[in-house]
């Protein structure tokens, strides 16, 4: 993660691949401008039942989203 931080991003280990659904469309962490400090809470509050695969920007969780392929970041990467 040092390499990521050396390039100007805040590295964040978001957990194992099995928990990656917490970052998919329809979750609080998807396509938002969260800070490094806000991201853990957003991931923790993700609800699998409310995050259907293929959710769009009309999702109740989407904030600042521009659609399923949005690419908005705030110098935050997750592993």
PDB file of N, CA and C in Angstrom:
ATOM      1  N   UNK A   1       0.822  -1.195   0.000  1.00  0.00           N
ATOM      2  CA  UNK A   1       0.000   0.000   0.000  1.00  0.00           C
ATOM      3  C   UNK A   1       0.862   1.254   0.000  1.00  0.00           C
ATOM      4  N   UNK A   2       2.120   1.115   0.367  1.00  0.00           N
ATOM      5  CA  UNK A   2       3.017   2.265   0.354  1.00  0.00           C
ATOM      6  C   UNK A   2       3.155   2.839  -1.052  1.00  0.00           C
ATOM      7  N   UNK A   3       3.220   1.975  -2.045  1.00  0.00           N
ATOM      8  CA  UNK A   3       3.324   2.439  -3.431  1.00  0.00           C
ATOM      9  C   UNK A   3       2.135   3.315  -3.811  1.00  0.00           C
ATOM     10  N   UNK A   4       0.953   2.898  -3.413  1.00  0.00           N
ATOM     11  CA  UNK A   4      -0.255   3.673  -3.706  1.00  0.00           C
ATOM     12  C   UNK A   4      -0.176   5.028  -3.014  1.00  0.00           C
ATOM     13  N   UNK A   5       0.225   5.036  -1.749  1.00  0.00           N
ATOM     14  CA  UNK A   5       0.326   6.289  -1.003  1.00  0.00           C
ATOM     15  C   UNK A   5       1.417   7.190  -1.576  1.00  0.00           C
ATOM     16  N   UNK A   6       2.497   6.602  -2.048  1.00  0.00           N
ATOM     17  CA  UNK A   6       3.585   7.382  -2.654  1.00  0.00           C
ATOM     18  C   UNK A   6       3.137   8.098  -3.926  1.00  0.00           C
ATOM     19  N   UNK A   7       2.098   7.609  -4.561  1.00  0.00           N
ATOM     20  CA  UNK A   7       1.588   8.241  -5.783  1.00  0.00           C
ATOM     21  C   UNK A   7       0.509   9.283  -5.491  1.00  0.00           C
ATOM     22  N   UNK A   8       0.240   9.537  -4.214  1.00  0.00           N
ATOM     23  CA  UNK A   8      -0.700  10.582  -3.845  1.00  0.00           C
ATOM     24  C   UNK A   8      -2.087  10.122  -3.489  1.00  0.00           C
ATOM     25  N   UNK A   9      -2.302   8.821  -3.435  1.00  0.00           N
ATOM     26  CA  UNK A   9      -3.606   8.287  -3.057  1.00  0.00           C
ATOM     27  C   UNK A   9      -3.580   7.788  -1.627  1.00  0.00           C
ATOM     28  N   UNK A  10      -4.743   7.743  -0.997  1.00  0.00           N
ATOM     29  CA  UNK A  10      -4.871   7.174   0.340  1.00  0.00           C
ATOM     30  C   UNK A  10      -5.250   5.711   0.182  1.00  0.00           C
ATOM     31  N   UNK A  11      -4.344   4.824   0.508  1.00  0.00           N
ATOM     32  CA  UNK A  11      -4.626   3.390   0.389  1.00  0.00           C
ATOM     33  C   UNK A  11      -5.557   2.956   1.505  1.00  0.00           C
ATOM     34  N   UNK A  12      -6.434   2.016   1.171  1.00  0.00           N
ATOM     35  CA  UNK A  12      -7.374   1.494   2.165  1.00  0.00           C
ATOM     36  C   UNK A  12      -7.655   0.036   1.847  1.00  0.00           C
ATOM     37  N   UNK A  13      -7.431  -0.837   2.803  1.00  0.00           N
ATOM     38  CA  UNK A  13      -7.718  -2.259   2.630  1.00  0.00           C
ATOM     39  C   UNK A  13      -9.178  -2.482   2.999  1.00  0.00           C
ATOM     40  N   UNK A  14     -10.006  -2.707   1.997  1.00  0.00           N
ATOM     41  CA  UNK A  14     -11.442  -2.858   2.211  1.00  0.00           C
ATOM     42  C   UNK A  14     -11.851  -4.298   2.510  1.00  0.00           C
ATOM     43  N   UNK A  15     -10.883  -5.179   2.722  1.00  0.00           N
ATOM     44  CA  UNK A  15     -11.212  -6.547   3.086  1.00  0.00           C
ATOM     45  C   UNK A  15     -11.032  -7.527   1.942  1.00  0.00           C
ATOM     46  N   UNK A  16     -11.434  -8.764   2.197  1.00  0.00           N
ATOM     47  CA  UNK A  16     -11.253  -9.827   1.204  1.00  0.00           C
ATOM     48  C   UNK A  16     -12.228  -9.699   0.024  1.00  0.00           C
ATOM     49  N   UNK A  17     -11.926 -10.411  -1.027  1.00  0.00           N
ATOM     50  CA  UNK A  17     -12.758 -10.397  -2.225  1.00  0.00           C
ATOM     51  C   UNK A  17     -14.212 -10.762  -1.908  1.00  0.00           C
ATOM     52  N   UNK A  18     -14.413 -11.643  -0.965  1.00  0.00           N
ATOM     53  CA  UNK A  18     -15.778 -12.050  -0.604  1.00  0.00           C
ATOM     54  C   UNK A  18     -16.612 -10.876  -0.075  1.00  0.00           C
ATOM     55  N   UNK A  19     -15.962  -9.821   0.375  1.00  0.00           N
ATOM     56  CA  UNK A  19     -16.669  -8.642   0.885  1.00  0.00           C
ATOM     57  C   UNK A  19     -16.729  -7.505  -0.144  1.00  0.00           C
ATOM     58  N   UNK A  20     -16.270  -7.772  -1.349  1.00  0.00           N
ATOM     59  CA  UNK A  20     -16.221  -6.713  -2.366  1.00  0.00           C
ATOM     60  C   UNK A  20     -17.607  -6.205  -2.767  1.00  0.00           C
ATOM     61  N   UNK A  21     -18.648  -6.972  -2.479  1.00  0.00           N
ATOM     62  CA  UNK A  21     -19.998  -6.519  -2.792  1.00  0.00           C
ATOM     63  C   UNK A  21     -20.305  -5.207  -2.066  1.00  0.00           C
ATOM     64  N   UNK A  22     -19.591  -4.922  -0.996  1.00  0.00           N
ATOM     65  CA  UNK A  22     -19.825  -3.688  -0.239  1.00  0.00           C
ATOM     66  C   UNK A  22     -19.463  -2.431  -1.030  1.00  0.00           C
ATOM     67  N   UNK A  23     -18.827  -2.619  -2.199  1.00  0.00           N
ATOM     68  CA  UNK A  23     -18.417  -1.485  -3.029  1.00  0.00           C
ATOM     69  C   UNK A  23     -19.128  -1.461  -4.372  1.00  0.00           C
ATOM     70  N   UNK A  24     -20.094  -2.333  -4.569  1.00  0.00           N
ATOM     71  CA  UNK A  24     -20.758  -2.394  -5.869  1.00  0.00           C
ATOM     72  C   UNK A  24     -21.879  -1.357  -5.960  1.00  0.00           C
ATOM     73  N   UNK A  25     -22.433  -1.172  -7.151  1.00  0.00           N
ATOM     74  CA  UNK A  25     -23.515  -0.198  -7.321  1.00  0.00           C
ATOM     75  C   UNK A  25     -24.634  -0.419  -6.319  1.00  0.00           C
ATOM     76  N   UNK A  26     -25.133   0.680  -5.784  1.00  0.00           N
ATOM     77  CA  UNK A  26     -26.222   0.624  -4.835  1.00  0.00           C
ATOM     78  C   UNK A  26     -25.773   0.634  -3.383  1.00  0.00           C
ATOM     79  N   UNK A  27     -24.483   0.659  -3.120  1.00  0.00           N
ATOM     80  CA  UNK A  27     -23.989   0.698  -1.740  1.00  0.00           C
ATOM     81  C   UNK A  27     -23.489   2.100  -1.403  1.00  0.00           C
ATOM     82  N   UNK A  28     -23.379   2.424  -0.121  1.00  0.00           N
ATOM     83  CA  UNK A  28     -22.965   3.769   0.279  1.00  0.00           C
ATOM     84  C   UNK A  28     -21.572   4.175  -0.213  1.00  0.00           C
ATOM     85  N   UNK A  29     -20.696   3.233  -0.486  1.00  0.00           N
ATOM     86  CA  UNK A  29     -19.330   3.576  -0.901  1.00  0.00           C
ATOM     87  C   UNK A  29     -19.170   3.709  -2.410  1.00  0.00           C
ATOM     88  N   UNK A  30     -20.161   3.316  -3.176  1.00  0.00           N
ATOM     89  CA  UNK A  30     -20.032   3.298  -4.636  1.00  0.00           C
ATOM     90  C   UNK A  30     -20.145   4.694  -5.235  1.00  0.00           C
ATOM     91  N   UNK A  31     -19.131   5.100  -5.963  1.00  0.00           N
ATOM     92  CA  UNK A  31     -19.125   6.368  -6.702  1.00  0.00           C
ATOM     93  C   UNK A  31     -19.439   7.574  -5.822  1.00  0.00           C
ATOM     94  N   UNK A  32     -18.794   7.672  -4.713  1.00  0.00           N
ATOM     95  CA  UNK A  32     -18.973   8.812  -3.822  1.00  0.00           C
ATOM     96  C   UNK A  32     -17.626   9.471  -3.573  1.00  0.00           C
ATOM     97  N   UNK A  33     -17.650  10.668  -3.096  1.00  0.00           N
ATOM     98  CA  UNK A  33     -16.431  11.405  -2.766  1.00  0.00           C
ATOM     99  C   UNK A  33     -16.157  11.283  -1.267  1.00  0.00           C
ATOM    100  N   UNK A  34     -16.023  10.064  -0.796  1.00  0.00           N
ATOM    101  CA  UNK A  34     -15.765   9.839   0.621  1.00  0.00           C
ATOM    102  C   UNK A  34     -14.298  10.051   0.951  1.00  0.00           C
ATOM    103  N   UNK A  35     -14.042  10.510   2.145  1.00  0.00           N
ATOM    104  CA  UNK A  35     -12.668  10.629   2.609  1.00  0.00           C
ATOM    105  C   UNK A  35     -12.212   9.277   3.133  1.00  0.00           C
ATOM    106  N   UNK A  36     -10.949   9.168   3.374  1.00  0.00           N
ATOM    107  CA  UNK A  36     -10.365   7.937   3.938  1.00  0.00           C
ATOM    108  C   UNK A  36     -11.029   7.609   5.276  1.00  0.00           C
ATOM    109  N   UNK A  37     -11.401   8.629   6.023  1.00  0.00           N
ATOM    110  CA  UNK A  37     -12.033   8.437   7.330  1.00  0.00           C
ATOM    111  C   UNK A  37     -13.497   8.029   7.219  1.00  0.00           C
ATOM    112  N   UNK A  38     -14.170   8.437   6.154  1.00  0.00           N
ATOM    113  CA  UNK A  38     -15.585   8.124   5.958  1.00  0.00           C
ATOM    114  C   UNK A  38     -15.809   6.739   5.350  1.00  0.00           C
ATOM    115  N   UNK A  39     -14.832   6.251   4.599  1.00  0.00           N
ATOM    116  CA  UNK A  39     -15.000   4.997   3.866  1.00  0.00           C
ATOM    117  C   UNK A  39     -15.308   3.789   4.756  1.00  0.00           C
ATOM    118  N   UNK A  40     -14.645   3.590   5.893  1.00  0.00           N
ATOM    119  CA  UNK A  40     -14.963   2.413   6.718  1.00  0.00           C
ATOM    120  C   UNK A  40     -16.434   2.355   7.140  1.00  0.00           C
ATOM    121  N   UNK A  41     -17.010   3.493   7.517  1.00  0.00           N
ATOM    122  CA  UNK A  41     -18.418   3.506   7.914  1.00  0.00           C
ATOM    123  C   UNK A  41     -19.331   3.189   6.739  1.00  0.00           C
ATOM    124  N   UNK A  42     -19.007   3.713   5.568  1.00  0.00           N
ATOM    125  CA  UNK A  42     -19.819   3.438   4.379  1.00  0.00           C
ATOM    126  C   UNK A  42     -19.785   1.951   4.038  1.00  0.00           C
ATOM    127  N   UNK A  43     -18.620   1.341   4.122  1.00  0.00           N
ATOM    128  CA  UNK A  43     -18.515  -0.097   3.844  1.00  0.00           C
ATOM    129  C   UNK A  43     -19.262  -0.910   4.893  1.00  0.00           C
ATOM    130  N   UNK A  44     -19.162  -0.500   6.145  1.00  0.00           N
ATOM    131  CA  UNK A  44     -19.814  -1.232   7.237  1.00  0.00           C
ATOM    132  C   UNK A  44     -21.336  -1.169   7.155  1.00  0.00           C
ATOM    133  N   UNK A  45     -21.876  -0.083   6.620  1.00  0.00           N
ATOM    134  CA  UNK A  45     -23.335   0.053   6.563  1.00  0.00           C
ATOM    135  C   UNK A  45     -23.943  -0.518   5.292  1.00  0.00           C
ATOM    136  N   UNK A  46     -23.110  -1.017   4.391  1.00  0.00           N
ATOM    137  CA  UNK A  46     -23.637  -1.617   3.159  1.00  0.00           C
ATOM    138  C   UNK A  46     -24.554  -2.786   3.503  1.00  0.00           C
ATOM    139  N   UNK A  47     -25.655  -2.864   2.802  1.00  0.00           N
ATOM    140  CA  UNK A  47     -26.657  -3.909   3.017  1.00  0.00           C
ATOM    141  C   UNK A  47     -26.829  -4.688   1.708  1.00  0.00           C
ATOM    142  N   UNK A  48     -26.451  -5.951   1.716  1.00  0.00           N
ATOM    143  CA  UNK A  48     -26.510  -6.771   0.504  1.00  0.00           C
ATOM    144  C   UNK A  48     -27.917  -6.795  -0.096  1.00  0.00           C
ATOM    145  N   UNK A  49     -28.929  -6.769   0.729  1.00  0.00           N
ATOM    146  CA  UNK A  49     -30.302  -6.816   0.238  1.00  0.00           C
ATOM    147  C   UNK A  49     -30.691  -5.538  -0.504  1.00  0.00           C
ATOM    148  N   UNK A  50     -30.008  -4.437  -0.209  1.00  0.00           N
ATOM    149  CA  UNK A  50     -30.325  -3.154  -0.842  1.00  0.00           C
ATOM    150  C   UNK A  50     -29.351  -2.813  -1.955  1.00  0.00           C
ATOM    151  N   UNK A  51     -28.463  -3.734  -2.305  1.00  0.00           N
ATOM    152  CA  UNK A  51     -27.469  -3.437  -3.332  1.00  0.00           C
ATOM    153  C   UNK A  51     -27.521  -4.451  -4.463  1.00  0.00           C
ATOM    154  N   UNK A  52     -28.605  -4.436  -5.217  1.00  0.00           N
ATOM    155  CA  UNK A  52     -28.726  -5.396  -6.309  1.00  0.00           C
ATOM    156  C   UNK A  52     -27.646  -5.168  -7.354  1.00  0.00           C
ATOM    157  N   UNK A  53     -27.204  -6.217  -7.962  1.00  0.00           N
ATOM    158  CA  UNK A  53     -26.204  -6.111  -9.024  1.00  0.00           C
ATOM    159  C   UNK A  53     -26.781  -5.297 -10.162  1.00  0.00           C
ATOM    160  N   UNK A  54     -25.991  -4.375 -10.667  1.00  0.00           N
ATOM    161  CA  UNK A  54     -26.434  -3.555 -11.784  1.00  0.00           C
ATOM    162  C   UNK A  54     -27.250  -2.347 -11.381  1.00  0.00           C
ATOM    163  N   UNK A  55     -27.218  -1.961 -10.106  1.00  0.00           N
ATOM    164  CA  UNK A  55     -27.953  -0.776  -9.669  1.00  0.00           C
ATOM    165  C   UNK A  55     -27.428   0.452 -10.405  1.00  0.00           C
ATOM    166  N   UNK A  56     -28.284   1.431 -10.584  1.00  0.00           N
ATOM    167  CA  UNK A  56     -27.892   2.638 -11.299  1.00  0.00           C
ATOM    168  C   UNK A  56     -27.839   3.823 -10.353  1.00  0.00           C
ATOM    169  N   UNK A  57     -27.600   4.972 -10.915  1.00  0.00           N
ATOM    170  CA  UNK A  57     -27.496   6.179 -10.101  1.00  0.00           C
ATOM    171  C   UNK A  57     -28.813   6.513  -9.401  1.00  0.00           C
ATOM    172  N   UNK A  58     -29.902   5.866  -9.767  1.00  0.00           N
ATOM    173  CA  UNK A  58     -31.166   6.093  -9.096  1.00  0.00           C
ATOM    174  C   UNK A  58     -31.280   5.344  -7.780  1.00  0.00           C
ATOM    175  N   UNK A  59     -30.258   4.623  -7.418  1.00  0.00           N
ATOM    176  CA  UNK A  59     -30.264   3.871  -6.173  1.00  0.00           C
ATOM    177  C   UNK A  59     -30.397   4.804  -4.972  1.00  0.00           C
ATOM    178  N   UNK A  60     -31.090   4.370  -3.907  1.00  0.00           N
ATOM    179  CA  UNK A  60     -31.210   5.223  -2.724  1.00  0.00           C
ATOM    180  C   UNK A  60     -29.866   5.475  -2.054  1.00  0.00           C
ATOM    181  N   UNK A  61     -28.866   4.666  -2.347  1.00  0.00           N
ATOM    182  CA  UNK A  61     -27.548   4.849  -1.722  1.00  0.00           C
ATOM    183  C   UNK A  61     -26.643   5.748  -2.534  1.00  0.00           C
ATOM    184  N   UNK A  62     -26.931   5.945  -3.799  1.00  0.00           N
ATOM    185  CA  UNK A  62     -26.017   6.685  -4.662  1.00  0.00           C
ATOM    186  C   UNK A  62     -25.980   8.155  -4.292  1.00  0.00           C
ATOM    187  N   UNK A  63     -24.779   8.666  -4.149  1.00  0.00           N
ATOM    188  CA  UNK A  63     -24.573  10.079  -3.856  1.00  0.00           C
ATOM    189  C   UNK A  63     -23.473  10.537  -4.802  1.00  0.00           C
ATOM    190  N   UNK A  64     -23.744  11.501  -5.625  1.00  0.00           N
ATOM    191  CA  UNK A  64     -22.782  12.010  -6.596  1.00  0.00           C
ATOM    192  C   UNK A  64     -22.453  10.979  -7.678  1.00  0.00           C
ATOM    193  N   UNK A  65     -23.322  10.042  -7.931  1.00  0.00           N
ATOM    194  CA  UNK A  65     -23.041   9.012  -8.936  1.00  0.00           C
ATOM    195  C   UNK A  65     -23.467   9.492 -10.309  1.00  0.00           C
ATOM    196  N   UNK A  66     -22.786   8.994 -11.313  1.00  0.00           N
ATOM    197  CA  UNK A  66     -23.167   9.350 -12.677  1.00  0.00           C
ATOM    198  C   UNK A  66     -23.560   8.110 -13.462  1.00  0.00           C
ATOM    199  N   UNK A  67     -23.877   7.027 -12.785  1.00  0.00           N
ATOM    200  CA  UNK A  67     -24.304   5.800 -13.439  1.00  0.00           C
ATOM    201  C   UNK A  67     -23.442   4.622 -13.045  1.00  0.00           C
ATOM    202  N   UNK A  68     -23.782   3.441 -13.529  1.00  0.00           N
ATOM    203  CA  UNK A  68     -23.078   2.234 -13.124  1.00  0.00           C
ATOM    204  C   UNK A  68     -21.601   2.230 -13.472  1.00  0.00           C
ATOM    205  N   UNK A  69     -21.209   2.982 -14.470  1.00  0.00           N
ATOM    206  CA  UNK A  69     -19.796   2.983 -14.861  1.00  0.00           C
ATOM    207  C   UNK A  69     -19.094   4.245 -14.382  1.00  0.00           C
ATOM    208  N   UNK A  70     -19.629   4.895 -13.379  1.00  0.00           N
ATOM    209  CA  UNK A  70     -19.025   6.152 -12.948  1.00  0.00           C
ATOM    210  C   UNK A  70     -17.604   5.934 -12.462  1.00  0.00           C
ATOM    211  N   UNK A  71     -16.817   6.957 -12.568  1.00  0.00           N
ATOM    212  CA  UNK A  71     -15.407   6.856 -12.234  1.00  0.00           C
ATOM    213  C   UNK A  71     -15.008   8.033 -11.363  1.00  0.00           C
ATOM    214  N   UNK A  72     -15.734   8.266 -10.297  1.00  0.00           N
ATOM    215  CA  UNK A  72     -15.444   9.380  -9.402  1.00  0.00           C
ATOM    216  C   UNK A  72     -14.624   8.867  -8.238  1.00  0.00           C
ATOM    217  N   UNK A  73     -13.522   9.508  -7.982  1.00  0.00           N
ATOM    218  CA  UNK A  73     -12.682   9.130  -6.845  1.00  0.00           C
ATOM    219  C   UNK A  73     -12.221  10.389  -6.136  1.00  0.00           C
ATOM    220  N   UNK A  74     -11.811  10.234  -4.921  1.00  0.00           N
ATOM    221  CA  UNK A  74     -11.252  11.320  -4.145  1.00  0.00           C
ATOM    222  C   UNK A  74      -9.920  10.856  -3.585  1.00  0.00           C
ATOM    223  N   UNK A  75      -9.029  10.525  -4.463  1.00  0.00           N
ATOM    224  CA  UNK A  75      -7.718  10.010  -4.077  1.00  0.00           C
ATOM    225  C   UNK A  75      -7.824   8.885  -3.061  1.00  0.00           C
ATOM    226  N   UNK A  76      -8.771   7.994  -3.249  1.00  0.00           N
ATOM    227  CA  UNK A  76      -8.961   6.853  -2.357  1.00  0.00           C
ATOM    228  C   UNK A  76      -9.057   5.593  -3.193  1.00  0.00           C
ATOM    229  N   UNK A  77      -8.252   4.622  -2.882  1.00  0.00           N
ATOM    230  CA  UNK A  77      -8.306   3.327  -3.545  1.00  0.00           C
ATOM    231  C   UNK A  77      -8.590   2.280  -2.490  1.00  0.00           C
ATOM    232  N   UNK A  78      -9.203   1.206  -2.874  1.00  0.00           N
ATOM    233  CA  UNK A  78      -9.408   0.106  -1.941  1.00  0.00           C
ATOM    234  C   UNK A  78      -8.814  -1.143  -2.539  1.00  0.00           C
ATOM    235  N   UNK A  79      -8.338  -2.003  -1.658  1.00  0.00           N
ATOM    236  CA  UNK A  79      -7.710  -3.253  -2.116  1.00  0.00           C
ATOM    237  C   UNK A  79      -8.714  -4.356  -2.123  1.00  0.00           C
TER     238      UNK A  79
END
